[in-house]
Amino acid sequence: MTQSTVPPLKVGLVGFGYASATFHAPLIAATPGLQLAAVSSSAPGRVHAAFPDAMLYATPEALYACDDIDLVVIATPNDTHFPLARAALEAGKHVVVDKPFVLDTSQARELIALADARSLRLSAFHNRRWDGDFMTLSQLLAEGTLGRIVHVESHFDRYRPQVQARWRESGAAGGGLWYDLGPHLVDQAVQLFGPPATIWLDMEQQRDGALTDDWFHAVLGYGTMRVVLHASALTAIPAPRFTVHGTQGSYVKHGLDMQETALRAGAALADGWSADTSDGVLALHTAQGVVEQAHATLPGAYTQYYAQMRDAILHGAPVPVTAESAHDVLALIEAGIASAREARVVQLRGQV
């Protein structure tokens, strides 16, 4: 069979909240070789309006019982990820879990062991590895443009002054910004620089009526280099998304990657949809002194995630994000919580 005649992998989506409707469903639907075949949701009207050809199931268990579903994608409240993923693996399905993968490393290890025992593909949706600005920074570091890196700041600043009645902002396990945005920022840092030697985390509830953390500031130690990870819900004038200083110069990039905004607006995933027209700024040391120049941002590539997941299932290629790397991110999330609780720097080398 040629690629065009291979039957598509059938995907079942568990949950149809913001993450599913904005990210997973449109990305799956746009990926050749995948078919969004079924959805388990408590909002069947919303699902039918967006994907009228998908089968609807009232419960995840009913969806898992379908023999022709190859891949299950779980995009539900964080504290449900583990039991839903375990049940899907036990039903013989390949599994993608939205971030955070699960709530702790012991849950992650159990899922990894179960997937390995059944020869199933298991991956976490750390989609921000395919942010255009992150890929641009990765390229600059690989080329050595900035010299030896000494200081990095990675900010995810938003202005959302009103606490919303939703699970992400509740006091439930897995709620709060550290579990919501922390996994993205931690994962990006580890992808760029490997596991840190230390972590120090401060987090707070700053909005009126906040039930969980809506501000955090983490410092990862890498010898003489420091990587600062920061997020806030009360930042009307955001800091740069990335600020990077090295021995040969600096790179600064303002503005969040635009793929989420485009997906939320229902953009057709055609050529150019993921472009980021906001250039970064490079300030490089030259014989004439420090010279500033605009530095174009690479297009984002969220569509690569499900294309790689398809190839992992069909052709034995690597999954786009390994469950083991998601486990290591959770180890840092846990260490950060210990740091904040005990008001100390946590030593990590050899533990992550």
Protein backbone atom coordinates (compact mmCIF):
# COMPACT_ATOMS: atom_id res chain seq x y z
CA MET A 1 0.00 0.00 0.00
CA THR A 2 1.14 3.55 -0.63
CA GLN A 3 0.87 6.17 2.10
CA SER A 4 -2.26 7.57 0.47
CA THR A 5 -4.04 4.18 0.51
CA VAL A 6 -3.19 3.19 4.09
CA PRO A 7 -6.40 3.45 6.15
CA PRO A 8 -6.18 6.39 8.57
CA LEU A 9 -5.55 5.78 12.24
CA LYS A 10 -8.77 6.37 14.13
CA VAL A 11 -8.44 8.75 17.06
CA GLY A 12 -10.74 8.97 20.06
CA LEU A 13 -10.71 12.22 22.02
CA VAL A 14 -11.64 12.23 25.72
CA GLY A 15 -13.00 15.61 26.77
CA PHE A 16 -14.00 18.58 24.64
CA GLY A 17 -13.07 21.58 26.72
CA TYR A 18 -10.65 24.36 25.80
CA ALA A 19 -7.59 22.16 25.15
CA SER A 20 -9.49 19.73 22.92
CA ALA A 21 -11.46 22.30 20.96
CA THR A 22 -8.50 24.68 20.50
CA PHE A 23 -5.54 22.35 20.05
CA HIS A 24 -6.17 18.63 19.78
CA ALA A 25 -9.25 18.35 17.58
CA PRO A 26 -8.16 20.79 14.84
CA LEU A 27 -4.58 19.47 14.80
CA ILE A 28 -5.76 15.85 14.56
CA ALA A 29 -8.24 16.76 11.82
CA ALA A 30 -5.48 18.53 9.84
CA THR A 31 -3.01 15.61 10.03
CA PRO A 32 -2.99 13.29 6.99
CA GLY A 33 -3.34 9.70 8.09
CA LEU A 34 -5.39 10.51 11.19
CA GLN A 35 -9.17 10.61 11.56
CA LEU A 36 -10.97 12.14 14.52
CA ALA A 37 -13.43 9.28 14.75
CA ALA A 38 -14.93 9.56 18.24
CA VAL A 39 -15.29 11.95 21.15
CA SER A 40 -16.32 11.30 24.74
CA SER A 41 -17.82 14.49 26.15
CA SER A 42 -20.47 15.87 28.46
CA ALA A 43 -21.17 18.57 25.83
CA PRO A 44 -22.38 16.59 22.79
CA GLY A 45 -23.90 19.67 21.16
CA ARG A 46 -20.55 21.44 20.97
CA VAL A 47 -18.86 18.34 19.56
CA HIS A 48 -21.54 17.76 16.94
CA ALA A 49 -21.42 21.39 15.80
CA ALA A 50 -17.65 21.24 15.28
CA PHE A 51 -17.23 17.62 14.11
CA PRO A 52 -20.57 16.25 12.94
CA ASP A 53 -19.06 13.02 11.60
CA ALA A 54 -17.43 11.97 14.88
CA MET A 55 -19.12 9.33 16.99
CA LEU A 56 -20.23 10.60 20.39
CA TYR A 57 -19.87 8.65 23.62
CA ALA A 58 -21.16 9.59 27.05
CA THR A 59 -18.21 8.00 28.89
CA PRO A 60 -14.53 7.31 28.21
CA GLU A 61 -15.17 3.64 28.96
CA ALA A 62 -17.64 3.42 26.09
CA LEU A 63 -15.11 4.99 23.74
CA TYR A 64 -12.34 2.63 24.92
CA ALA A 65 -14.59 -0.33 24.14
CA CYS A 66 -14.52 0.52 20.42
CA ASP A 67 -12.20 -1.97 18.75
CA ASP A 68 -11.41 0.30 15.81
CA ILE A 69 -10.04 3.22 17.89
CA ASP A 70 -6.25 3.16 17.57
CA LEU A 71 -5.18 6.25 19.52
CA VAL A 72 -6.81 7.87 22.55
CA VAL A 73 -6.12 11.53 23.37
CA ILE A 74 -6.87 12.64 26.91
CA ALA A 75 -7.53 16.35 27.43
CA THR A 76 -9.48 16.50 30.68
CA PRO A 77 -8.87 18.07 34.13
CA ASN A 78 -5.37 17.32 35.36
CA ASP A 79 -6.41 15.10 38.27
CA THR A 80 -8.18 12.71 35.84
CA HIS A 81 -5.23 12.15 33.49
CA PHE A 82 -3.79 9.17 35.32
CA PRO A 83 -6.88 6.97 35.72
CA LEU A 84 -8.09 7.76 32.19
CA ALA A 85 -4.70 7.04 30.62
CA ARG A 86 -4.30 3.83 32.60
CA ALA A 87 -7.72 2.60 31.50
CA ALA A 88 -6.97 3.46 27.86
CA LEU A 89 -3.67 1.54 27.95
CA GLU A 90 -5.39 -1.41 29.60
CA ALA A 91 -7.88 -1.34 26.72
CA GLY A 92 -4.98 -1.68 24.27
CA LYS A 93 -4.93 1.89 22.94
CA HIS A 94 -1.98 4.11 22.14
CA VAL A 95 -2.28 7.24 24.29
CA VAL A 96 -1.53 10.97 24.18
CA VAL A 97 -2.04 12.89 27.43
CA ASP A 98 -2.28 16.67 27.58
CA LYS A 99 0.17 18.40 29.90
CA PRO A 100 0.82 18.01 32.73
CA PHE A 101 1.24 14.34 31.88
CA VAL A 102 -0.04 13.22 35.31
CA LEU A 103 0.20 14.66 38.83
CA ASP A 104 3.41 13.02 40.07
CA THR A 105 6.33 10.84 39.10
CA SER A 106 4.93 7.66 40.66
CA GLN A 107 1.88 7.88 38.38
CA ALA A 108 4.15 8.55 35.41
CA ARG A 109 6.28 5.49 36.14
CA GLU A 110 3.19 3.27 36.39
CA LEU A 111 1.91 4.42 32.98
CA ILE A 112 5.35 4.01 31.39
CA ALA A 113 5.62 0.45 32.71
CA LEU A 114 2.11 -0.40 31.50
CA ALA A 115 2.74 1.03 28.01
CA ASP A 116 6.04 -0.83 27.75
CA ALA A 117 4.50 -4.11 28.89
CA ARG A 118 1.82 -3.84 26.19
CA SER A 119 4.08 -2.40 23.45
CA LEU A 120 1.91 0.70 23.20
CA ARG A 121 2.92 4.26 22.29
CA LEU A 122 2.56 6.79 25.09
CA SER A 123 3.28 10.52 24.78
CA ALA A 124 2.65 13.83 26.54
CA PHE A 125 1.42 16.89 24.63
CA HIS A 126 4.29 19.31 25.29
CA ASN A 127 3.34 21.22 22.16
CA ARG A 128 5.39 24.31 23.01
CA ARG A 129 8.51 22.53 21.80
CA TRP A 130 7.07 23.65 18.45
CA ASP A 131 6.58 27.34 19.34
CA GLY A 132 8.28 29.44 16.67
CA ASP A 133 10.17 31.60 19.17
CA PHE A 134 11.41 28.55 21.06
CA MET A 135 12.61 26.92 17.83
CA THR A 136 14.33 30.20 16.90
CA LEU A 137 16.14 30.31 20.25
CA SER A 138 17.07 26.63 19.90
CA GLN A 139 18.66 27.41 16.54
CA LEU A 140 20.60 30.38 17.91
CA LEU A 141 21.97 28.27 20.74
CA ALA A 142 22.89 25.39 18.41
CA GLU A 143 24.80 27.82 16.20
CA GLY A 144 26.61 29.37 19.17
CA THR A 145 25.57 32.87 18.10
CA LEU A 146 25.42 34.23 21.65
CA GLY A 147 28.53 32.49 22.96
CA ARG A 148 28.41 30.87 26.38
CA ILE A 149 24.96 31.48 27.87
CA VAL A 150 24.92 33.00 31.35
CA HIS A 151 21.33 34.14 31.94
CA VAL A 152 17.93 33.17 30.49
CA GLU A 153 14.45 34.44 31.33
CA SER A 154 11.40 32.66 29.97
CA HIS A 155 8.13 34.47 30.77
CA PHE A 156 4.52 33.54 30.22
CA ASP A 157 2.71 36.70 31.29
CA ARG A 158 -1.02 37.26 30.92
CA TYR A 159 -3.58 39.70 32.29
CA ARG A 160 -6.58 37.81 33.63
CA PRO A 161 -7.62 39.74 36.74
CA GLN A 162 -10.89 37.90 37.32
CA VAL A 163 -10.77 34.42 38.81
CA GLN A 164 -12.83 32.10 36.63
CA ALA A 165 -15.03 29.24 37.79
CA ARG A 166 -13.02 26.50 36.12
CA TRP A 167 -10.90 23.60 37.32
CA ARG A 168 -7.60 25.23 36.33
CA GLU A 169 -8.23 28.00 38.86
CA SER A 170 -9.77 25.83 41.56
CA GLY A 171 -8.03 24.40 44.58
CA ALA A 172 -8.25 20.88 43.11
CA ALA A 173 -5.15 18.75 42.73
CA GLY A 174 -3.27 19.81 39.60
CA GLY A 175 -4.80 23.30 39.50
CA GLY A 176 -2.81 26.53 39.45
CA LEU A 177 -0.21 28.08 37.17
CA TRP A 178 2.71 25.93 38.27
CA TYR A 179 0.89 22.82 37.03
CA ASP A 180 -0.64 24.64 34.05
CA LEU A 181 2.24 26.64 32.55
CA GLY A 182 5.12 25.31 34.63
CA PRO A 183 5.37 22.04 32.61
CA HIS A 184 5.74 24.00 29.36
CA LEU A 185 8.44 26.31 30.67
CA VAL A 186 10.29 23.55 32.52
CA ASP A 187 10.16 21.28 29.47
CA GLN A 188 11.56 24.00 27.22
CA ALA A 189 14.40 24.70 29.67
CA VAL A 190 15.33 21.03 29.87
CA GLN A 191 15.20 20.69 26.09
CA LEU A 192 17.62 23.62 25.75
CA PHE A 193 20.01 22.96 28.62
CA GLY A 194 19.37 19.51 30.09
CA PRO A 195 18.46 18.83 33.73
CA PRO A 196 19.42 21.59 36.17
CA ALA A 197 21.53 21.13 39.28
CA THR A 198 19.18 23.13 41.52
CA ILE A 199 15.70 24.63 41.61
CA TRP A 200 14.24 27.42 43.71
CA LEU A 201 10.55 28.25 43.40
CA ASP A 202 8.35 30.96 44.84
CA MET A 203 4.63 30.99 44.09
CA GLU A 204 1.69 33.03 45.29
CA GLN A 205 -2.05 33.69 45.04
CA GLN A 206 -2.19 37.34 44.01
CA ARG A 207 -5.66 37.96 42.55
CA ASP A 208 -8.63 38.78 44.72
CA GLY A 209 -10.43 35.51 45.43
CA ALA A 210 -7.65 33.29 44.08
CA LEU A 211 -7.94 29.66 45.17
CA THR A 212 -4.58 28.47 43.87
CA ASP A 213 -1.28 29.88 42.67
CA ASP A 214 -1.60 32.47 39.89
CA TRP A 215 2.05 33.68 40.02
CA PHE A 216 5.32 31.81 40.13
CA HIS A 217 9.00 32.55 39.81
CA ALA A 218 11.45 29.69 39.47
CA VAL A 219 15.23 29.80 39.20
CA LEU A 220 17.05 26.80 37.74
CA GLY A 221 20.75 26.55 38.48
CA TYR A 222 23.23 25.30 35.87
CA GLY A 223 26.66 26.02 37.29
CA THR A 224 27.26 29.72 36.68
CA MET A 225 24.19 30.01 34.40
CA ARG A 226 20.73 30.82 35.72
CA VAL A 227 17.43 30.09 33.96
CA VAL A 228 14.44 32.04 35.28
CA LEU A 229 10.93 30.73 34.60
CA HIS A 230 8.11 33.14 35.38
CA ALA A 231 4.34 33.28 34.90
CA SER A 232 1.65 35.62 36.13
CA ALA A 233 -2.07 36.29 35.68
CA LEU A 234 -1.73 40.00 36.58
CA THR A 235 0.64 41.41 33.98
CA ALA A 236 -1.01 44.05 31.82
CA ILE A 237 2.36 44.99 30.28
CA PRO A 238 4.16 41.67 29.68
CA ALA A 239 7.89 41.24 29.99
CA PRO A 240 9.71 39.79 26.97
CA ARG A 241 8.84 36.18 26.22
CA PHE A 242 12.54 35.34 26.09
CA THR A 243 15.57 37.25 27.33
CA VAL A 244 18.90 35.50 26.78
CA HIS A 245 22.36 36.85 27.60
CA GLY A 246 25.64 35.27 26.57
CA THR A 247 29.31 36.15 26.33
CA GLN A 248 28.89 37.29 22.69
CA GLY A 249 25.57 39.09 22.92
CA SER A 250 21.88 38.96 23.79
CA TYR A 251 18.56 37.90 22.27
CA VAL A 252 15.19 39.37 23.27
CA LYS A 253 11.80 38.33 21.91
CA HIS A 254 8.48 39.96 22.83
CA GLY A 255 5.05 38.43 22.38
CA LEU A 256 3.66 34.91 22.76
CA ASP A 257 3.71 32.40 19.92
CA MET A 258 0.63 33.07 17.78
CA GLN A 259 -0.47 29.50 17.05
CA GLU A 260 -2.86 29.30 20.01
CA THR A 261 -4.50 32.58 18.97
CA ALA A 262 -4.86 31.37 15.38
CA LEU A 263 -6.31 28.01 16.44
CA ARG A 264 -8.73 29.68 18.85
CA ALA A 265 -9.93 31.89 15.98
CA GLY A 266 -10.54 28.82 13.81
CA ALA A 267 -7.72 29.42 11.35
CA ALA A 268 -7.43 27.08 8.40
CA LEU A 269 -4.18 25.18 8.89
CA ALA A 270 -2.80 26.08 5.47
CA ASP A 271 0.55 27.55 4.49
CA GLY A 272 1.48 30.55 6.61
CA TRP A 273 -1.06 29.96 9.38
CA SER A 274 1.63 29.61 12.06
CA ALA A 275 3.80 32.57 11.11
CA ASP A 276 5.02 34.92 13.84
CA THR A 277 5.62 38.37 12.37
CA SER A 278 7.15 39.69 15.60
CA ASP A 279 10.91 39.73 15.14
CA GLY A 280 13.29 39.25 18.00
CA VAL A 281 16.29 41.50 18.58
CA LEU A 282 19.89 40.34 18.51
CA ALA A 283 22.56 42.50 20.12
CA LEU A 284 25.96 41.06 19.17
CA HIS A 285 29.51 42.00 20.08
CA THR A 286 31.52 43.08 17.03
CA ALA A 287 34.78 44.93 16.36
CA GLN A 288 32.66 48.08 16.10
CA GLY A 289 30.99 47.46 19.45
CA VAL A 290 27.54 46.05 20.22
CA VAL A 291 25.34 46.04 17.12
CA GLU A 292 21.59 45.46 17.27
CA GLN A 293 19.63 43.82 14.48
CA ALA A 294 16.18 42.33 13.96
CA HIS A 295 16.06 38.55 13.98
CA ALA A 296 13.16 36.85 12.23
CA THR A 297 11.13 34.30 14.16
CA LEU A 298 10.69 30.86 12.65
CA PRO A 299 7.11 29.72 11.91
CA GLY A 300 5.61 27.54 14.61
CA ALA A 301 4.95 23.88 13.90
CA TYR A 302 2.28 22.40 16.18
CA THR A 303 1.13 20.20 13.29
CA GLN A 304 4.40 18.27 13.64
CA TYR A 305 3.27 16.74 16.93
CA TYR A 306 0.48 14.58 15.55
CA ALA A 307 2.37 13.84 12.33
CA GLN A 308 5.17 12.39 14.46
CA MET A 309 2.69 10.51 16.65
CA ARG A 310 1.15 8.97 13.52
CA ASP A 311 4.57 7.85 12.30
CA ALA A 312 5.45 6.43 15.71
CA ILE A 313 2.39 4.18 15.62
CA LEU A 314 2.53 3.21 11.95
CA HIS A 315 6.26 3.05 11.30
CA GLY A 316 7.99 2.68 14.65
CA ALA A 317 9.45 6.20 14.61
CA PRO A 318 10.10 7.92 17.96
CA VAL A 319 7.11 9.50 19.66
CA PRO A 320 7.21 13.32 19.53
CA VAL A 321 7.52 13.65 23.33
CA THR A 322 8.56 10.60 25.32
CA ALA A 323 6.74 9.70 28.51
CA GLU A 324 10.15 9.48 30.15
CA SER A 325 10.84 13.16 29.39
CA ALA A 326 7.40 14.04 30.76
CA HIS A 327 8.31 12.10 33.92
CA ASP A 328 11.49 14.20 34.26
CA VAL A 329 9.46 17.41 33.93
CA LEU A 330 7.18 16.19 36.72
CA ALA A 331 10.22 15.49 38.88
CA LEU A 332 11.12 19.18 38.55
CA ILE A 333 7.52 20.24 39.20
CA GLU A 334 7.59 18.18 42.42
CA ALA A 335 10.99 19.56 43.42
CA GLY A 336 9.70 23.07 42.84
CA ILE A 337 6.75 22.45 45.13
CA ALA A 338 9.12 21.19 47.82
CA SER A 339 11.25 24.30 47.35
CA ALA A 340 8.27 26.64 47.73
CA ARG A 341 6.89 24.75 50.72
CA GLU A 342 10.21 24.64 52.55
CA ALA A 343 11.57 28.02 51.33
CA ARG A 344 14.89 26.54 50.20
CA VAL A 345 16.96 25.74 47.15
CA VAL A 346 16.52 22.07 46.25
CA GLN A 347 19.58 20.17 45.01
CA LEU A 348 18.74 18.03 41.99
CA ARG A 349 21.81 16.64 40.32
CA GLY A 350 21.39 12.92 39.86
CA GLN A 351 17.75 12.96 41.06
CA VAL A 352 15.82 13.98 37.94
